[in-house]
Amino acid sequence: LYLQTMSLKPEDTAVYYCSVGDYWGEGTL
């Protein structure tokens, strides 16, 4: 799965997680 981010803003700063059902990854900052 992908998320292409563009025109990033300071308020986009976060840990990003993907999920399927009740499963989660550990995130990427």
PDB file of all heavy atoms in Angstrom:
ATOM      1  N   LEU A   1       0.847  -1.181   0.000  1.00  0.00           N
ATOM      2  CA  LEU A   1       0.000   0.000   0.000  1.00  0.00           C
ATOM      3  C   LEU A   1       0.887   1.238   0.000  1.00  0.00           C
ATOM      4  O   LEU A   1       1.937   1.246   0.642  1.00  0.00           O
ATOM      5  CB  LEU A   1      -0.892  -0.004   1.240  1.00  0.00           C
ATOM      6  CG  LEU A   1      -1.804   1.200   1.468  1.00  0.00           C
ATOM      7  CD1 LEU A   1      -2.965   1.173   0.492  1.00  0.00           C
ATOM      8  CD2 LEU A   1      -2.294   1.224   2.908  1.00  0.00           C
ATOM      9  N   TYR A   2       0.460   2.303  -0.695  1.00  0.00           N
ATOM     10  CA  TYR A   2       1.235   3.528  -0.786  1.00  0.00           C
ATOM     11  C   TYR A   2       0.411   4.745  -0.384  1.00  0.00           C
ATOM     12  O   TYR A   2      -0.817   4.754  -0.492  1.00  0.00           O
ATOM     13  CB  TYR A   2       1.744   3.759  -2.214  1.00  0.00           C
ATOM     14  CG  TYR A   2       2.652   2.677  -2.741  1.00  0.00           C
ATOM     15  CD1 TYR A   2       2.163   1.689  -3.587  1.00  0.00           C
ATOM     16  CD2 TYR A   2       3.998   2.649  -2.399  1.00  0.00           C
ATOM     17  CE1 TYR A   2       2.994   0.701  -4.078  1.00  0.00           C
ATOM     18  CE2 TYR A   2       4.830   1.660  -2.883  1.00  0.00           C
ATOM     19  CZ  TYR A   2       4.321   0.688  -3.728  1.00  0.00           C
ATOM     20  OH  TYR A   2       5.154  -0.292  -4.214  1.00  0.00           O
ATOM     21  N   LEU A   3       1.104   5.782   0.073  1.00  0.00           N
ATOM     22  CA  LEU A   3       0.519   7.099   0.254  1.00  0.00           C
ATOM     23  C   LEU A   3       1.494   8.115  -0.318  1.00  0.00           C
ATOM     24  O   LEU A   3       2.559   8.348   0.251  1.00  0.00           O
ATOM     25  CB  LEU A   3       0.239   7.398   1.724  1.00  0.00           C
ATOM     26  CG  LEU A   3      -0.511   8.708   1.993  1.00  0.00           C
ATOM     27  CD1 LEU A   3      -1.952   8.608   1.479  1.00  0.00           C
ATOM     28  CD2 LEU A   3      -0.502   9.059   3.477  1.00  0.00           C
ATOM     29  N   GLN A   4       1.143   8.693  -1.464  1.00  0.00           N
ATOM     30  CA  GLN A   4       1.952   9.734  -2.077  1.00  0.00           C
ATOM     31  C   GLN A   4       1.538  11.069  -1.479  1.00  0.00           C
ATOM     32  O   GLN A   4       0.385  11.475  -1.623  1.00  0.00           O
ATOM     33  CB  GLN A   4       1.758   9.755  -3.592  1.00  0.00           C
ATOM     34  CG  GLN A   4       2.544  10.840  -4.309  1.00  0.00           C
ATOM     35  CD  GLN A   4       4.038  10.614  -4.260  1.00  0.00           C
ATOM     36  OE1 GLN A   4       4.524   9.576  -4.713  1.00  0.00           O
ATOM     37  NE2 GLN A   4       4.778  11.569  -3.699  1.00  0.00           N
ATOM     38  N   THR A   5       2.466  11.734  -0.800  1.00  0.00           N
ATOM     39  CA  THR A   5       2.184  13.019  -0.180  1.00  0.00           C
ATOM     40  C   THR A   5       2.846  14.127  -0.993  1.00  0.00           C
ATOM     41  O   THR A   5       3.995  13.998  -1.422  1.00  0.00           O
ATOM     42  CB  THR A   5       2.683  13.072   1.269  1.00  0.00           C
ATOM     43  OG1 THR A   5       4.108  13.089   1.294  1.00  0.00           O
ATOM     44  CG2 THR A   5       2.172  11.869   2.048  1.00  0.00           C
ATOM     45  N   MET A   6       2.110  15.224  -1.213  1.00  0.00           N
ATOM     46  CA  MET A   6       2.591  16.357  -1.991  1.00  0.00           C
ATOM     47  C   MET A   6       2.261  17.663  -1.285  1.00  0.00           C
ATOM     48  O   MET A   6       1.356  17.709  -0.459  1.00  0.00           O
ATOM     49  CB  MET A   6       1.956  16.342  -3.385  1.00  0.00           C
ATOM     50  CG  MET A   6       2.313  15.139  -4.232  1.00  0.00           C
ATOM     51  SD  MET A   6       1.211  14.947  -5.668  1.00  0.00           S
ATOM     52  CE  MET A   6      -0.255  14.342  -4.855  1.00  0.00           C
ATOM     53  N   SER A   7       3.004  18.714  -1.639  1.00  0.00           N
ATOM     54  CA  SER A   7       2.777  20.040  -1.059  1.00  0.00           C
ATOM     55  C   SER A   7       2.692  19.959   0.457  1.00  0.00           C
ATOM     56  O   SER A   7       1.777  20.509   1.083  1.00  0.00           O
ATOM     57  CB  SER A   7       1.503  20.662  -1.638  1.00  0.00           C
ATOM     58  OG  SER A   7       1.587  20.772  -3.042  1.00  0.00           O
ATOM     59  N   LEU A   8       3.657  19.293   1.054  1.00  0.00           N
ATOM     60  CA  LEU A   8       3.617  19.041   2.492  1.00  0.00           C
ATOM     61  C   LEU A   8       3.705  20.327   3.300  1.00  0.00           C
ATOM     62  O   LEU A   8       4.426  21.266   2.934  1.00  0.00           O
ATOM     63  CB  LEU A   8       4.738  18.088   2.885  1.00  0.00           C
ATOM     64  CG  LEU A   8       4.487  16.630   2.496  1.00  0.00           C
ATOM     65  CD1 LEU A   8       5.778  15.829   2.562  1.00  0.00           C
ATOM     66  CD2 LEU A   8       3.433  16.013   3.422  1.00  0.00           C
ATOM     67  N   LYS A   9       2.973  20.352   4.404  1.00  0.00           N
ATOM     68  CA  LYS A   9       2.906  21.491   5.308  1.00  0.00           C
ATOM     69  C   LYS A   9       3.429  21.080   6.679  1.00  0.00           C
ATOM     70  O   LYS A   9       3.402  19.898   7.025  1.00  0.00           O
ATOM     71  CB  LYS A   9       1.463  21.983   5.441  1.00  0.00           C
ATOM     72  CG  LYS A   9       0.776  22.303   4.129  1.00  0.00           C
ATOM     73  CD  LYS A   9      -0.699  22.620   4.352  1.00  0.00           C
ATOM     74  CE  LYS A   9      -1.399  22.919   3.044  1.00  0.00           C
ATOM     75  NZ  LYS A   9      -2.839  23.214   3.252  1.00  0.00           N
ATOM     76  N   PRO A  10       3.889  22.038   7.489  1.00  0.00           N
ATOM     77  CA  PRO A  10       4.349  21.689   8.835  1.00  0.00           C
ATOM     78  C   PRO A  10       3.307  20.918   9.643  1.00  0.00           C
ATOM     79  O   PRO A  10       3.673  20.037  10.428  1.00  0.00           O
ATOM     80  CB  PRO A  10       4.653  23.050   9.467  1.00  0.00           C
ATOM     81  CG  PRO A  10       5.044  23.903   8.311  1.00  0.00           C
ATOM     82  CD  PRO A  10       4.147  23.455   7.177  1.00  0.00           C
ATOM     83  N   GLU A  11       2.031  21.213   9.446  1.00  0.00           N
ATOM     84  CA  GLU A  11       0.984  20.517  10.177  1.00  0.00           C
ATOM     85  C   GLU A  11       0.797  19.067   9.739  1.00  0.00           C
ATOM     86  O   GLU A  11       0.036  18.325  10.370  1.00  0.00           O
ATOM     87  CB  GLU A  11      -0.352  21.268  10.089  1.00  0.00           C
ATOM     88  CG  GLU A  11      -0.775  21.615   8.676  1.00  0.00           C
ATOM     89  CD  GLU A  11      -0.401  23.036   8.290  1.00  0.00           C
ATOM     90  OE1 GLU A  11       0.732  23.460   8.585  1.00  0.00           O
ATOM     91  OE2 GLU A  11      -1.256  23.733   7.694  1.00  0.00           O
ATOM     92  N   ASP A  12       1.469  18.647   8.663  1.00  0.00           N
ATOM     93  CA  ASP A  12       1.460  17.246   8.261  1.00  0.00           C
ATOM     94  C   ASP A  12       2.450  16.408   9.065  1.00  0.00           C
ATOM     95  O   ASP A  12       2.464  15.181   8.926  1.00  0.00           O
ATOM     96  CB  ASP A  12       1.782  17.099   6.771  1.00  0.00           C
ATOM     97  CG  ASP A  12       0.709  17.687   5.875  1.00  0.00           C
ATOM     98  OD1 ASP A  12      -0.495  17.503   6.173  1.00  0.00           O
ATOM     99  OD2 ASP A  12       1.072  18.328   4.867  1.00  0.00           O
ATOM    100  N   THR A  13       3.276  17.052   9.863  1.00  0.00           N
ATOM    101  CA  THR A  13       4.248  16.336  10.690  1.00  0.00           C
ATOM    102  C   THR A  13       3.524  15.372  11.620  1.00  0.00           C
ATOM    103  O   THR A  13       2.659  15.771  12.398  1.00  0.00           O
ATOM    104  CB  THR A  13       5.094  17.315  11.504  1.00  0.00           C
ATOM    105  OG1 THR A  13       5.881  18.122  10.622  1.00  0.00           O
ATOM    106  CG2 THR A  13       6.018  16.575  12.455  1.00  0.00           C
ATOM    107  N   ALA A  14       3.875  14.094  11.528  1.00  0.00           N
ATOM    108  CA  ALA A  14       3.197  13.071  12.314  1.00  0.00           C
ATOM    109  C   ALA A  14       3.846  11.721  12.068  1.00  0.00           C
ATOM    110  O   ALA A  14       4.627  11.558  11.134  1.00  0.00           O
ATOM    111  CB  ALA A  14       1.709  12.996  11.935  1.00  0.00           C
ATOM    112  N   VAL A  15       3.505  10.758  12.908  1.00  0.00           N
ATOM    113  CA  VAL A  15       3.807   9.366  12.636  1.00  0.00           C
ATOM    114  C   VAL A  15       2.650   8.806  11.823  1.00  0.00           C
ATOM    115  O   VAL A  15       1.493   8.909  12.238  1.00  0.00           O
ATOM    116  CB  VAL A  15       4.007   8.551  13.923  1.00  0.00           C
ATOM    117  CG1 VAL A  15       4.249   7.080  13.595  1.00  0.00           C
ATOM    118  CG2 VAL A  15       5.174   9.109  14.723  1.00  0.00           C
ATOM    119  N   TYR A  16       2.947   8.230  10.674  1.00  0.00           N
ATOM    120  CA  TYR A  16       1.932   7.698   9.774  1.00  0.00           C
ATOM    121  C   TYR A  16       1.869   6.177   9.905  1.00  0.00           C
ATOM    122  O   TYR A  16       2.895   5.496   9.840  1.00  0.00           O
ATOM    123  CB  TYR A  16       2.235   8.084   8.328  1.00  0.00           C
ATOM    124  CG  TYR A  16       1.929   9.532   8.034  1.00  0.00           C
ATOM    125  CD1 TYR A  16       2.744  10.545   8.532  1.00  0.00           C
ATOM    126  CD2 TYR A  16       0.815   9.893   7.274  1.00  0.00           C
ATOM    127  CE1 TYR A  16       2.451  11.876   8.289  1.00  0.00           C
ATOM    128  CE2 TYR A  16       0.527  11.219   7.021  1.00  0.00           C
ATOM    129  CZ  TYR A  16       1.344  12.209   7.531  1.00  0.00           C
ATOM    130  OH  TYR A  16       1.049  13.533   7.279  1.00  0.00           O
ATOM    131  N   TYR A  17       0.645   5.657  10.087  1.00  0.00           N
ATOM    132  CA  TYR A  17       0.405   4.236  10.272  1.00  0.00           C
ATOM    133  C   TYR A  17      -0.509   3.705   9.173  1.00  0.00           C
ATOM    134  O   TYR A  17      -1.451   4.378   8.766  1.00  0.00           O
ATOM    135  CB  TYR A  17      -0.285   3.964  11.609  1.00  0.00           C
ATOM    136  CG  TYR A  17       0.443   4.446  12.842  1.00  0.00           C
ATOM    137  CD1 TYR A  17       0.204   5.719  13.355  1.00  0.00           C
ATOM    138  CD2 TYR A  17       1.346   3.626  13.505  1.00  0.00           C
ATOM    139  CE1 TYR A  17       0.852   6.163  14.491  1.00  0.00           C
ATOM    140  CE2 TYR A  17       1.993   4.063  14.641  1.00  0.00           C
ATOM    141  CZ  TYR A  17       1.740   5.332  15.135  1.00  0.00           C
ATOM    142  OH  TYR A  17       2.384   5.763  16.264  1.00  0.00           O
ATOM    143  N   CYS A  18      -0.264   2.483   8.727  1.00  0.00           N
ATOM    144  CA  CYS A  18      -1.218   1.799   7.865  1.00  0.00           C
ATOM    145  C   CYS A  18      -1.888   0.685   8.660  1.00  0.00           C
ATOM    146  O   CYS A  18      -1.340   0.181   9.638  1.00  0.00           O
ATOM    147  CB  CYS A  18      -0.558   1.245   6.593  1.00  0.00           C
ATOM    148  SG  CYS A  18       0.627  -0.093   6.853  1.00  0.00           S
ATOM    149  N   SER A  19      -3.098   0.320   8.233  1.00  0.00           N
ATOM    150  CA  SER A  19      -3.824  -0.718   8.942  1.00  0.00           C
ATOM    151  C   SER A  19      -4.692  -1.525   7.990  1.00  0.00           C
ATOM    152  O   SER A  19      -5.121  -1.045   6.948  1.00  0.00           O
ATOM    153  CB  SER A  19      -4.691  -0.121  10.053  1.00  0.00           C
ATOM    154  OG  SER A  19      -5.769   0.628   9.515  1.00  0.00           O
ATOM    155  N   VAL A  20      -4.947  -2.770   8.372  1.00  0.00           N
ATOM    156  CA  VAL A  20      -5.888  -3.646   7.693  1.00  0.00           C
ATOM    157  C   VAL A  20      -6.614  -4.425   8.778  1.00  0.00           C
ATOM    158  O   VAL A  20      -5.984  -5.065   9.623  1.00  0.00           O
ATOM    159  CB  VAL A  20      -5.187  -4.581   6.682  1.00  0.00           C
ATOM    160  CG1 VAL A  20      -4.089  -5.398   7.350  1.00  0.00           C
ATOM    161  CG2 VAL A  20      -6.197  -5.483   5.993  1.00  0.00           C
ATOM    162  N   GLY A  21      -7.945  -4.337   8.788  1.00  0.00           N
ATOM    163  CA  GLY A  21      -8.688  -4.939   9.878  1.00  0.00           C
ATOM    164  C   GLY A  21      -8.219  -4.389  11.203  1.00  0.00           C
ATOM    165  O   GLY A  21      -8.136  -3.175  11.398  1.00  0.00           O
ATOM    166  N   ASP A  22      -7.872  -5.262  12.136  1.00  0.00           N
ATOM    167  CA  ASP A  22      -7.375  -4.855  13.446  1.00  0.00           C
ATOM    168  C   ASP A  22      -5.853  -4.863  13.540  1.00  0.00           C
ATOM    169  O   ASP A  22      -5.302  -4.741  14.640  1.00  0.00           O
ATOM    170  CB  ASP A  22      -7.954  -5.760  14.535  1.00  0.00           C
ATOM    171  CG  ASP A  22      -9.440  -5.552  14.740  1.00  0.00           C
ATOM    172  OD1 ASP A  22      -9.919  -4.419  14.536  1.00  0.00           O
ATOM    173  OD2 ASP A  22     -10.130  -6.527  15.108  1.00  0.00           O
ATOM    174  N   TYR A  23      -5.175  -4.990  12.410  1.00  0.00           N
ATOM    175  CA  TYR A  23      -3.721  -5.027  12.391  1.00  0.00           C
ATOM    176  C   TYR A  23      -3.152  -3.668  12.036  1.00  0.00           C
ATOM    177  O   TYR A  23      -3.672  -2.962  11.159  1.00  0.00           O
ATOM    178  CB  TYR A  23      -3.215  -6.087  11.405  1.00  0.00           C
ATOM    179  CG  TYR A  23      -3.576  -7.490  11.803  1.00  0.00           C
ATOM    180  CD1 TYR A  23      -4.726  -8.101  11.312  1.00  0.00           C
ATOM    181  CD2 TYR A  23      -2.763  -8.218  12.672  1.00  0.00           C
ATOM    182  CE1 TYR A  23      -5.061  -9.385  11.688  1.00  0.00           C
ATOM    183  CE2 TYR A  23      -3.096  -9.504  13.046  1.00  0.00           C
ATOM    184  CZ  TYR A  23      -4.243 -10.082  12.548  1.00  0.00           C
ATOM    185  OH  TYR A  23      -4.566 -11.364  12.921  1.00  0.00           O
ATOM    186  N   TRP A  24      -2.062  -3.299  12.700  1.00  0.00           N
ATOM    187  CA  TRP A  24      -1.384  -2.022  12.513  1.00  0.00           C
ATOM    188  C   TRP A  24       0.114  -2.222  12.368  1.00  0.00           C
ATOM    189  O   TRP A  24       0.685  -3.133  12.957  1.00  0.00           O
ATOM    190  CB  TRP A  24      -1.630  -1.090  13.704  1.00  0.00           C
ATOM    191  CG  TRP A  24      -3.044  -0.668  13.884  1.00  0.00           C
ATOM    192  CD1 TRP A  24      -4.085  -1.441  14.310  1.00  0.00           C
ATOM    193  CD2 TRP A  24      -3.579   0.641  13.665  1.00  0.00           C
ATOM    194  NE1 TRP A  24      -5.234  -0.702  14.360  1.00  0.00           N
ATOM    195  CE2 TRP A  24      -4.958   0.580  13.975  1.00  0.00           C
ATOM    196  CE3 TRP A  24      -3.027   1.848  13.240  1.00  0.00           C
ATOM    197  CZ2 TRP A  24      -5.788   1.697  13.872  1.00  0.00           C
ATOM    198  CZ3 TRP A  24      -3.852   2.949  13.144  1.00  0.00           C
ATOM    199  CH2 TRP A  24      -5.209   2.868  13.453  1.00  0.00           C
ATOM    200  N   GLY A  25       0.734  -1.347  11.595  1.00  0.00           N
ATOM    201  CA  GLY A  25       2.178  -1.295  11.588  1.00  0.00           C
ATOM    202  C   GLY A  25       2.675  -0.431  12.737  1.00  0.00           C
ATOM    203  O   GLY A  25       1.886   0.099  13.532  1.00  0.00           O
ATOM    204  N   GLU A  26       3.981  -0.271  12.842  1.00  0.00           N
ATOM    205  CA  GLU A  26       4.571   0.528  13.918  1.00  0.00           C
ATOM    206  C   GLU A  26       4.790   1.976  13.520  1.00  0.00           C
ATOM    207  O   GLU A  26       5.188   2.791  14.352  1.00  0.00           O
ATOM    208  CB  GLU A  26       5.879  -0.101  14.387  1.00  0.00           C
ATOM    209  CG  GLU A  26       5.666  -1.454  15.061  1.00  0.00           C
ATOM    210  CD  GLU A  26       6.903  -1.979  15.736  1.00  0.00           C
ATOM    211  OE1 GLU A  26       7.945  -1.307  15.679  1.00  0.00           O
ATOM    212  OE2 GLU A  26       6.818  -3.072  16.335  1.00  0.00           O
ATOM    213  N   GLY A  27       4.533   2.318  12.276  1.00  0.00           N
ATOM    214  CA  GLY A  27       4.535   3.698  11.834  1.00  0.00           C
ATOM    215  C   GLY A  27       5.853   4.157  11.238  1.00  0.00           C
ATOM    216  O   GLY A  27       6.905   3.574  11.468  1.00  0.00           O
ATOM    217  N   THR A  28       5.771   5.239  10.460  1.00  0.00           N
ATOM    218  CA  THR A  28       6.944   5.903   9.915  1.00  0.00           C
ATOM    219  C   THR A  28       6.786   7.409  10.136  1.00  0.00           C
ATOM    220  O   THR A  28       5.711   7.967   9.909  1.00  0.00           O
ATOM    221  CB  THR A  28       7.147   5.570   8.420  1.00  0.00           C
ATOM    222  OG1 THR A  28       8.362   6.158   7.949  1.00  0.00           O
ATOM    223  CG2 THR A  28       5.984   6.060   7.566  1.00  0.00           C
ATOM    224  N   LEU A  29       7.839   8.067  10.598  1.00  0.00           N
ATOM    225  CA  LEU A  29       7.766   9.469  10.993  1.00  0.00           C
ATOM    226  C   LEU A  29       8.021  10.391   9.809  1.00  0.00           C
ATOM    227  O   LEU A  29       9.031  10.265   9.106  1.00  0.00           O
ATOM    228  CB  LEU A  29       8.785   9.759  12.098  1.00  0.00           C
ATOM    229  CG  LEU A  29       8.909  11.217  12.555  1.00  0.00           C
ATOM    230  CD1 LEU A  29       7.600  11.705  13.162  1.00  0.00           C
ATOM    231  CD2 LEU A  29      10.045  11.365  13.548  1.00  0.00           C
TER     232      LEU A  29
END
